[in-house]
Amino acid sequence: MITGQTASMEDYLEAIAKLGEVETEVRVTEISKRLGVKKPSVSAALHKLSEDGLVEHRKYGCVELTDEGRRIAEDVVHRHEVLFRFLSEILGVDREVSQVDACKLEHWLSSSSIKRLTKFVEFILTCPRGEPVLLQGFDYYFDHGERDEELVARCLEEER
């Protein structure tokens, strides 16, 4: 684990952060619905996160991230967003599949890998010519199992 928390605990922090963006008060019920787990599981997780100093929660009250909890949650959200963009916008994976896969991967990549991946995604997606030829070529290669000879010729011509 990158943060010292389990993947499950990182998911709780991420859910609390995301819910806090749209709800004025985050409660056990909303966390339970978002993560698809039972309320007693949420309560147990919140107890652990509270002991670790990452959330503040009183029984039957709202849940708030501490500064450290918010820092970890923001890091998890960032990792998720970068992985989602890489999978969906660079590799062309279906958006729903990209969401699920990003959620799984976000817990396992090192911060140095995420930094490089972040820069790679930015680099590719901010091509001054619009959609990078690289992505067009990859889509063709994925669909046909070979390079698009027209794109190869164009690239070689531009290189001269």
N, C-alpha and C. Protein backbone atom coordinates (compact mmCIF):
# COMPACT_ATOMS: atom_id res chain seq x y z
N MET A 1 0.84 -1.18 0.00
CA MET A 1 0.00 0.00 0.00
C MET A 1 0.88 1.24 0.00
N ILE A 2 0.52 2.20 -0.78
CA ILE A 2 1.29 3.42 -0.91
C ILE A 2 1.16 4.28 0.34
N THR A 3 -0.04 4.37 0.92
CA THR A 3 -0.31 5.29 2.03
C THR A 3 -0.15 4.64 3.40
N GLY A 4 0.06 3.37 3.47
CA GLY A 4 0.07 2.69 4.76
C GLY A 4 -1.31 2.19 5.16
N GLN A 5 -2.32 2.53 4.37
CA GLN A 5 -3.68 2.06 4.60
C GLN A 5 -3.96 0.90 3.64
N THR A 6 -4.93 0.08 4.00
CA THR A 6 -5.32 -0.98 3.08
C THR A 6 -6.09 -0.37 1.91
N ALA A 7 -6.24 -1.14 0.86
CA ALA A 7 -7.02 -0.68 -0.30
C ALA A 7 -8.44 -0.33 0.14
N SER A 8 -9.00 -1.14 1.00
CA SER A 8 -10.36 -0.90 1.49
C SER A 8 -10.45 0.43 2.24
N MET A 9 -9.48 0.71 3.11
CA MET A 9 -9.50 1.96 3.87
C MET A 9 -9.30 3.16 2.95
N GLU A 10 -8.45 3.00 1.93
CA GLU A 10 -8.29 4.07 0.95
C GLU A 10 -9.60 4.32 0.20
N ASP A 11 -10.34 3.24 -0.10
CA ASP A 11 -11.64 3.40 -0.76
C ASP A 11 -12.62 4.18 0.11
N TYR A 12 -12.60 3.93 1.41
CA TYR A 12 -13.47 4.70 2.32
C TYR A 12 -13.09 6.17 2.31
N LEU A 13 -11.80 6.47 2.40
CA LEU A 13 -11.36 7.87 2.38
C LEU A 13 -11.76 8.55 1.07
N GLU A 14 -11.57 7.84 -0.03
CA GLU A 14 -11.94 8.38 -1.34
C GLU A 14 -13.44 8.64 -1.41
N ALA A 15 -14.23 7.69 -0.92
CA ALA A 15 -15.70 7.83 -0.95
C ALA A 15 -16.13 9.03 -0.11
N ILE A 16 -15.55 9.19 1.06
CA ILE A 16 -15.90 10.31 1.94
C ILE A 16 -15.56 11.63 1.24
N ALA A 17 -14.39 11.69 0.62
CA ALA A 17 -13.99 12.91 -0.09
C ALA A 17 -14.94 13.22 -1.23
N LYS A 18 -15.27 12.21 -2.04
CA LYS A 18 -16.16 12.42 -3.19
C LYS A 18 -17.57 12.81 -2.73
N LEU A 19 -18.07 12.15 -1.69
CA LEU A 19 -19.39 12.49 -1.17
C LEU A 19 -19.39 13.91 -0.61
N GLY A 20 -18.30 14.30 0.02
CA GLY A 20 -18.19 15.64 0.59
C GLY A 20 -18.23 16.74 -0.46
N GLU A 21 -17.94 16.39 -1.70
CA GLU A 21 -18.00 17.37 -2.79
C GLU A 21 -19.44 17.72 -3.16
N VAL A 22 -20.39 16.80 -2.90
CA VAL A 22 -21.78 17.02 -3.30
C VAL A 22 -22.76 17.06 -2.13
N GLU A 23 -22.37 16.54 -1.00
CA GLU A 23 -23.25 16.51 0.18
C GLU A 23 -22.74 17.53 1.20
N THR A 24 -23.67 18.19 1.90
CA THR A 24 -23.22 19.10 2.95
C THR A 24 -22.75 18.30 4.17
N GLU A 25 -23.37 17.15 4.39
CA GLU A 25 -22.96 16.28 5.48
C GLU A 25 -22.82 14.85 4.96
N VAL A 26 -21.71 14.22 5.27
CA VAL A 26 -21.48 12.84 4.85
C VAL A 26 -21.86 11.94 6.03
N ARG A 27 -22.72 10.97 5.75
CA ARG A 27 -23.18 10.06 6.80
C ARG A 27 -22.92 8.62 6.40
N VAL A 28 -23.01 7.74 7.38
CA VAL A 28 -22.77 6.32 7.19
C VAL A 28 -23.63 5.76 6.04
N THR A 29 -24.89 6.17 5.98
CA THR A 29 -25.80 5.66 4.96
C THR A 29 -25.29 5.96 3.55
N GLU A 30 -24.82 7.19 3.32
CA GLU A 30 -24.32 7.56 1.99
C GLU A 30 -23.05 6.77 1.64
N ILE A 31 -22.18 6.60 2.62
CA ILE A 31 -20.95 5.83 2.39
C ILE A 31 -21.31 4.38 2.05
N SER A 32 -22.25 3.83 2.79
CA SER A 32 -22.72 2.46 2.58
C SER A 32 -23.25 2.28 1.15
N LYS A 33 -24.08 3.23 0.71
CA LYS A 33 -24.64 3.15 -0.64
C LYS A 33 -23.54 3.28 -1.70
N ARG A 34 -22.64 4.24 -1.51
CA ARG A 34 -21.60 4.49 -2.52
C ARG A 34 -20.68 3.28 -2.69
N LEU A 35 -20.32 2.65 -1.58
CA LEU A 35 -19.38 1.53 -1.64
C LEU A 35 -20.07 0.17 -1.77
N GLY A 36 -21.39 0.15 -1.62
CA GLY A 36 -22.12 -1.11 -1.73
C GLY A 36 -21.81 -2.08 -0.60
N VAL A 37 -21.64 -1.53 0.61
CA VAL A 37 -21.38 -2.36 1.78
C VAL A 37 -22.43 -2.05 2.85
N LYS A 38 -22.53 -2.92 3.82
CA LYS A 38 -23.52 -2.74 4.89
C LYS A 38 -23.04 -1.69 5.90
N LYS A 39 -24.00 -1.07 6.54
CA LYS A 39 -23.69 0.00 7.50
C LYS A 39 -22.75 -0.45 8.63
N PRO A 40 -22.91 -1.67 9.17
CA PRO A 40 -21.97 -2.09 10.22
C PRO A 40 -20.52 -2.13 9.71
N SER A 41 -20.33 -2.49 8.45
CA SER A 41 -18.99 -2.49 7.86
C SER A 41 -18.44 -1.08 7.79
N VAL A 42 -19.30 -0.14 7.41
CA VAL A 42 -18.89 1.27 7.35
C VAL A 42 -18.50 1.75 8.75
N SER A 43 -19.32 1.43 9.73
CA SER A 43 -19.05 1.85 11.11
C SER A 43 -17.71 1.30 11.60
N ALA A 44 -17.45 0.03 11.30
CA ALA A 44 -16.18 -0.58 11.71
C ALA A 44 -15.00 0.11 11.03
N ALA A 45 -15.15 0.40 9.75
CA ALA A 45 -14.08 1.08 9.01
C ALA A 45 -13.86 2.48 9.55
N LEU A 46 -14.94 3.19 9.84
CA LEU A 46 -14.82 4.55 10.38
C LEU A 46 -14.15 4.54 11.75
N HIS A 47 -14.44 3.51 12.53
CA HIS A 47 -13.79 3.38 13.84
C HIS A 47 -12.27 3.26 13.66
N LYS A 48 -11.85 2.41 12.73
CA LYS A 48 -10.43 2.22 12.45
C LYS A 48 -9.80 3.51 11.91
N LEU A 49 -10.48 4.15 10.97
CA LEU A 49 -9.95 5.40 10.40
C LEU A 49 -9.89 6.50 11.45
N SER A 50 -10.84 6.50 12.36
CA SER A 50 -10.84 7.47 13.45
C SER A 50 -9.66 7.22 14.39
N GLU A 51 -9.42 5.95 14.70
CA GLU A 51 -8.26 5.59 15.54
C GLU A 51 -6.95 6.01 14.89
N ASP A 52 -6.89 5.94 13.56
CA ASP A 52 -5.70 6.33 12.81
C ASP A 52 -5.60 7.84 12.60
N GLY A 53 -6.59 8.59 13.09
CA GLY A 53 -6.56 10.04 12.98
C GLY A 53 -6.89 10.56 11.59
N LEU A 54 -7.64 9.78 10.81
CA LEU A 54 -7.94 10.17 9.43
C LEU A 54 -9.36 10.70 9.23
N VAL A 55 -10.25 10.35 10.16
CA VAL A 55 -11.62 10.89 10.11
C VAL A 55 -12.06 11.27 11.51
N GLU A 56 -13.05 12.14 11.54
CA GLU A 56 -13.74 12.45 12.79
C GLU A 56 -15.17 11.98 12.60
N HIS A 57 -15.65 11.15 13.55
CA HIS A 57 -17.00 10.61 13.43
C HIS A 57 -17.51 10.27 14.82
N ARG A 58 -18.68 10.83 15.11
CA ARG A 58 -19.38 10.45 16.33
C ARG A 58 -20.55 9.57 15.93
N LYS A 59 -20.84 8.60 16.76
CA LYS A 59 -21.93 7.67 16.46
C LYS A 59 -23.19 8.45 16.06
N TYR A 60 -23.79 8.05 14.94
CA TYR A 60 -24.99 8.66 14.36
C TYR A 60 -24.77 10.09 13.87
N GLY A 61 -23.51 10.52 13.79
CA GLY A 61 -23.22 11.87 13.31
C GLY A 61 -22.59 11.85 11.94
N CYS A 62 -22.17 13.04 11.51
CA CYS A 62 -21.53 13.13 10.19
C CYS A 62 -20.07 12.69 10.29
N VAL A 63 -19.53 12.44 9.11
CA VAL A 63 -18.15 12.00 8.98
C VAL A 63 -17.37 13.12 8.30
N GLU A 64 -16.23 13.46 8.86
CA GLU A 64 -15.36 14.47 8.27
C GLU A 64 -13.94 13.94 8.21
N LEU A 65 -13.27 14.28 7.13
CA LEU A 65 -11.86 13.92 7.02
C LEU A 65 -11.01 14.88 7.84
N THR A 66 -9.99 14.36 8.48
CA THR A 66 -9.00 15.23 9.11
C THR A 66 -8.08 15.75 8.01
N ASP A 67 -7.17 16.63 8.35
CA ASP A 67 -6.24 17.13 7.34
C ASP A 67 -5.45 15.98 6.70
N GLU A 68 -4.98 15.05 7.53
CA GLU A 68 -4.22 13.91 7.01
C GLU A 68 -5.11 12.99 6.19
N GLY A 69 -6.35 12.77 6.63
CA GLY A 69 -7.30 11.96 5.87
C GLY A 69 -7.60 12.59 4.52
N ARG A 70 -7.74 13.92 4.51
CA ARG A 70 -8.00 14.63 3.24
C ARG A 70 -6.80 14.52 2.31
N ARG A 71 -5.59 14.62 2.86
CA ARG A 71 -4.39 14.50 2.04
C ARG A 71 -4.33 13.13 1.36
N ILE A 72 -4.58 12.08 2.14
CA ILE A 72 -4.57 10.72 1.59
C ILE A 72 -5.69 10.56 0.56
N ALA A 73 -6.89 11.04 0.90
CA ALA A 73 -8.03 10.92 -0.02
C ALA A 73 -7.75 11.63 -1.33
N GLU A 74 -7.18 12.83 -1.27
CA GLU A 74 -6.86 13.58 -2.49
C GLU A 74 -5.83 12.84 -3.33
N ASP A 75 -4.88 12.19 -2.66
CA ASP A 75 -3.88 11.41 -3.39
C ASP A 75 -4.53 10.22 -4.10
N VAL A 76 -5.43 9.54 -3.41
CA VAL A 76 -6.13 8.39 -4.01
C VAL A 76 -7.00 8.86 -5.18
N VAL A 77 -7.71 9.97 -5.00
CA VAL A 77 -8.54 10.51 -6.08
C VAL A 77 -7.68 10.87 -7.28
N HIS A 78 -6.53 11.50 -7.04
CA HIS A 78 -5.62 11.86 -8.13
C HIS A 78 -5.15 10.61 -8.88
N ARG A 79 -4.72 9.59 -8.13
CA ARG A 79 -4.25 8.35 -8.77
C ARG A 79 -5.37 7.74 -9.61
N HIS A 80 -6.59 7.74 -9.07
CA HIS A 80 -7.73 7.18 -9.79
C HIS A 80 -7.96 7.94 -11.09
N GLU A 81 -7.96 9.27 -11.01
CA GLU A 81 -8.24 10.08 -12.20
C GLU A 81 -7.18 9.88 -13.28
N VAL A 82 -5.91 9.82 -12.88
CA VAL A 82 -4.84 9.61 -13.86
C VAL A 82 -4.98 8.24 -14.53
N LEU A 83 -5.21 7.23 -13.73
CA LEU A 83 -5.38 5.88 -14.28
C LEU A 83 -6.61 5.79 -15.17
N PHE A 84 -7.70 6.42 -14.75
CA PHE A 84 -8.91 6.42 -15.57
C PHE A 84 -8.64 7.08 -16.92
N ARG A 85 -7.98 8.23 -16.91
CA ARG A 85 -7.69 8.93 -18.17
C ARG A 85 -6.76 8.11 -19.06
N PHE A 86 -5.77 7.48 -18.44
CA PHE A 86 -4.84 6.65 -19.22
C PHE A 86 -5.60 5.51 -19.90
N LEU A 87 -6.41 4.81 -19.11
CA LEU A 87 -7.14 3.66 -19.65
C LEU A 87 -8.17 4.08 -20.69
N SER A 88 -8.95 5.11 -20.39
CA SER A 88 -10.05 5.48 -21.30
C SER A 88 -9.59 6.35 -22.46
N GLU A 89 -8.77 7.37 -22.20
CA GLU A 89 -8.42 8.32 -23.25
C GLU A 89 -7.19 7.93 -24.06
N ILE A 90 -6.26 7.22 -23.45
CA ILE A 90 -5.05 6.81 -24.18
C ILE A 90 -5.25 5.41 -24.78
N LEU A 91 -5.65 4.45 -23.96
CA LEU A 91 -5.80 3.08 -24.45
C LEU A 91 -7.16 2.81 -25.09
N GLY A 92 -8.14 3.69 -24.85
CA GLY A 92 -9.45 3.51 -25.46
C GLY A 92 -10.30 2.44 -24.81
N VAL A 93 -10.03 2.12 -23.56
CA VAL A 93 -10.83 1.14 -22.83
C VAL A 93 -12.19 1.77 -22.52
N ASP A 94 -13.24 0.97 -22.57
CA ASP A 94 -14.59 1.42 -22.23
C ASP A 94 -14.58 2.19 -20.91
N ARG A 95 -15.34 3.27 -20.83
CA ARG A 95 -15.31 4.15 -19.64
C ARG A 95 -15.71 3.42 -18.35
N GLU A 96 -16.73 2.57 -18.41
CA GLU A 96 -17.13 1.84 -17.21
C GLU A 96 -16.04 0.87 -16.77
N VAL A 97 -15.45 0.17 -17.71
CA VAL A 97 -14.36 -0.76 -17.40
C VAL A 97 -13.17 0.04 -16.85
N SER A 98 -12.90 1.20 -17.44
CA SER A 98 -11.80 2.05 -16.98
C SER A 98 -12.00 2.48 -15.53
N GLN A 99 -13.25 2.79 -15.17
CA GLN A 99 -13.54 3.19 -13.78
C GLN A 99 -13.21 2.05 -12.82
N VAL A 100 -13.69 0.87 -13.15
CA VAL A 100 -13.47 -0.31 -12.29
C VAL A 100 -11.98 -0.63 -12.19
N ASP A 101 -11.31 -0.65 -13.33
CA ASP A 101 -9.88 -0.98 -13.34
C ASP A 101 -9.04 0.08 -12.62
N ALA A 102 -9.39 1.35 -12.82
CA ALA A 102 -8.66 2.43 -12.14
C ALA A 102 -8.80 2.28 -10.62
N CYS A 103 -9.98 1.89 -10.18
CA CYS A 103 -10.21 1.70 -8.75
C CYS A 103 -9.33 0.59 -8.19
N LYS A 104 -9.10 -0.43 -8.98
CA LYS A 104 -8.24 -1.53 -8.53
C LYS A 104 -6.77 -1.12 -8.56
N LEU A 105 -6.36 -0.47 -9.63
CA LEU A 105 -4.94 -0.12 -9.81
C LEU A 105 -4.46 1.01 -8.91
N GLU A 106 -5.35 1.91 -8.55
CA GLU A 106 -4.95 3.11 -7.80
C GLU A 106 -4.24 2.80 -6.49
N HIS A 107 -4.45 1.63 -5.97
CA HIS A 107 -3.87 1.27 -4.68
C HIS A 107 -2.46 0.68 -4.80
N TRP A 108 -2.03 0.35 -5.98
CA TRP A 108 -0.82 -0.45 -6.10
C TRP A 108 0.36 0.23 -6.78
N LEU A 109 0.13 1.31 -7.50
CA LEU A 109 1.23 1.96 -8.19
C LEU A 109 1.98 2.91 -7.26
N SER A 110 3.28 2.94 -7.41
CA SER A 110 4.10 3.84 -6.58
C SER A 110 3.87 5.28 -6.99
N SER A 111 4.25 6.20 -6.11
CA SER A 111 4.09 7.62 -6.44
C SER A 111 4.96 8.01 -7.62
N SER A 112 6.13 7.39 -7.76
CA SER A 112 6.99 7.73 -8.92
C SER A 112 6.34 7.25 -10.22
N SER A 113 5.70 6.10 -10.21
CA SER A 113 5.00 5.63 -11.41
C SER A 113 3.82 6.54 -11.74
N ILE A 114 3.08 6.94 -10.73
CA ILE A 114 1.94 7.84 -10.95
C ILE A 114 2.42 9.18 -11.49
N LYS A 115 3.52 9.70 -10.97
CA LYS A 115 4.06 10.98 -11.49
C LYS A 115 4.38 10.87 -12.98
N ARG A 116 5.06 9.81 -13.35
CA ARG A 116 5.43 9.63 -14.76
C ARG A 116 4.19 9.41 -15.62
N LEU A 117 3.25 8.62 -15.12
CA LEU A 117 2.03 8.36 -15.87
C LEU A 117 1.23 9.66 -16.04
N THR A 118 1.17 10.48 -15.00
CA THR A 118 0.49 11.77 -15.07
C THR A 118 1.08 12.62 -16.18
N LYS A 119 2.40 12.72 -16.19
CA LYS A 119 3.08 13.52 -17.22
C LYS A 119 2.89 12.92 -18.61
N PHE A 120 2.91 11.60 -18.71
CA PHE A 120 2.71 10.93 -20.00
C PHE A 120 1.32 11.25 -20.55
N VAL A 121 0.29 11.13 -19.71
CA VAL A 121 -1.08 11.41 -20.14
C VAL A 121 -1.19 12.87 -20.58
N GLU A 122 -0.65 13.79 -19.77
CA GLU A 122 -0.67 15.21 -20.14
C GLU A 122 0.04 15.44 -21.47
N PHE A 123 1.21 14.84 -21.62
CA PHE A 123 2.02 15.00 -22.82
C PHE A 123 1.25 14.54 -24.07
N ILE A 124 0.66 13.37 -23.99
CA ILE A 124 -0.06 12.81 -25.13
C ILE A 124 -1.32 13.62 -25.44
N LEU A 125 -2.08 13.95 -24.39
CA LEU A 125 -3.38 14.58 -24.62
C LEU A 125 -3.29 16.07 -24.92
N THR A 126 -2.14 16.68 -24.76
CA THR A 126 -2.00 18.11 -25.07
C THR A 126 -1.19 18.32 -26.35
N CYS A 127 -1.22 17.36 -27.22
CA CYS A 127 -0.53 17.47 -28.50
C CYS A 127 -1.02 18.72 -29.22
N PRO A 128 -0.12 19.58 -29.68
CA PRO A 128 -0.54 20.83 -30.32
C PRO A 128 -1.32 20.62 -31.62
N ARG A 129 -1.24 19.45 -32.20
CA ARG A 129 -1.95 19.17 -33.46
C ARG A 129 -3.34 18.58 -33.24
N GLY A 130 -3.77 18.46 -32.02
CA GLY A 130 -5.05 17.80 -31.75
C GLY A 130 -4.80 16.35 -31.41
N GLU A 131 -5.68 15.45 -31.85
CA GLU A 131 -5.51 14.04 -31.52
C GLU A 131 -4.17 13.55 -32.05
N PRO A 132 -3.33 13.07 -31.14
CA PRO A 132 -2.00 12.62 -31.57
C PRO A 132 -2.06 11.46 -32.56
N VAL A 133 -1.20 11.53 -33.55
CA VAL A 133 -1.08 10.46 -34.56
C VAL A 133 -0.78 9.15 -33.85
N LEU A 134 -0.04 9.23 -32.77
CA LEU A 134 0.30 8.04 -31.99
C LEU A 134 -0.96 7.28 -31.57
N LEU A 135 -1.97 8.01 -31.08
CA LEU A 135 -3.21 7.36 -30.65
C LEU A 135 -3.99 6.81 -31.84
N GLN A 136 -4.01 7.54 -32.94
CA GLN A 136 -4.67 7.04 -34.14
C GLN A 136 -4.00 5.75 -34.60
N GLY A 137 -2.67 5.77 -34.59
CA GLY A 137 -1.92 4.59 -35.00
C GLY A 137 -2.15 3.41 -34.07
N PHE A 138 -2.22 3.68 -32.77
CA PHE A 138 -2.47 2.60 -31.82
C PHE A 138 -3.86 2.00 -32.02
N ASP A 139 -4.87 2.85 -32.23
CA ASP A 139 -6.24 2.35 -32.46
C ASP A 139 -6.28 1.43 -33.68
N TYR A 140 -5.61 1.86 -34.74
CA TYR A 140 -5.56 1.03 -35.96
C TYR A 140 -4.85 -0.29 -35.66
N TYR A 141 -3.71 -0.20 -34.98
CA TYR A 141 -2.93 -1.39 -34.64
C TYR A 141 -3.76 -2.35 -33.78
N PHE A 142 -4.48 -1.80 -32.83
CA PHE A 142 -5.31 -2.63 -31.94
C PHE A 142 -6.39 -3.35 -32.74
N ASP A 143 -7.03 -2.63 -33.65
CA ASP A 143 -8.13 -3.21 -34.44
C ASP A 143 -7.65 -4.19 -35.50
N HIS A 144 -6.46 -3.94 -36.09
CA HIS A 144 -6.01 -4.73 -37.24
C HIS A 144 -4.79 -5.61 -37.00
N GLY A 145 -4.10 -5.39 -35.89
CA GLY A 145 -2.92 -6.19 -35.59
C GLY A 145 -1.71 -5.82 -36.41
N GLU A 146 -1.78 -4.68 -37.08
CA GLU A 146 -0.64 -4.20 -37.86
C GLU A 146 -0.70 -2.67 -37.93
N ARG A 147 0.41 -2.05 -38.28
CA ARG A 147 0.45 -0.59 -38.37
C ARG A 147 -0.29 -0.10 -39.61
N ASP A 148 -0.87 1.09 -39.48
CA ASP A 148 -1.52 1.76 -40.61
C ASP A 148 -0.41 2.35 -41.49
N GLU A 149 -0.26 1.79 -42.66
CA GLU A 149 0.84 2.20 -43.56
C GLU A 149 0.74 3.67 -43.95
N GLU A 150 -0.49 4.20 -44.08
CA GLU A 150 -0.65 5.63 -44.41
C GLU A 150 -0.10 6.51 -43.30
N LEU A 151 -0.42 6.14 -42.05
CA LEU A 151 0.09 6.92 -40.91
C LEU A 151 1.60 6.82 -40.80
N VAL A 152 2.14 5.64 -41.02
CA VAL A 152 3.59 5.44 -40.99
C VAL A 152 4.25 6.32 -42.05
N ALA A 153 3.70 6.30 -43.25
CA ALA A 153 4.25 7.12 -44.34
C ALA A 153 4.18 8.60 -43.99
N ARG A 154 3.05 9.04 -43.42
CA ARG A 154 2.88 10.45 -43.02
C ARG A 154 3.92 10.83 -41.97
N CYS A 155 4.11 9.98 -40.98
CA CYS A 155 5.09 10.24 -39.92
C CYS A 155 6.49 10.35 -40.51
N LEU A 156 6.83 9.42 -41.38
CA LEU A 156 8.16 9.43 -42.00
C LEU A 156 8.35 10.69 -42.85
N GLU A 157 7.30 11.09 -43.55
CA GLU A 157 7.37 12.28 -44.39
C GLU A 157 7.56 13.54 -43.53
N GLU A 158 6.82 13.63 -42.43
CA GLU A 158 6.93 14.78 -41.53
C GLU A 158 8.30 14.85 -40.87
N GLU A 159 8.91 13.71 -40.66
CA GLU A 159 10.22 13.64 -40.02
C GLU A 159 11.31 14.23 -40.90
N ARG A 160 11.15 14.16 -42.22
CA ARG A 160 12.15 14.65 -43.16
C ARG A 160 12.21 16.11 -43.17
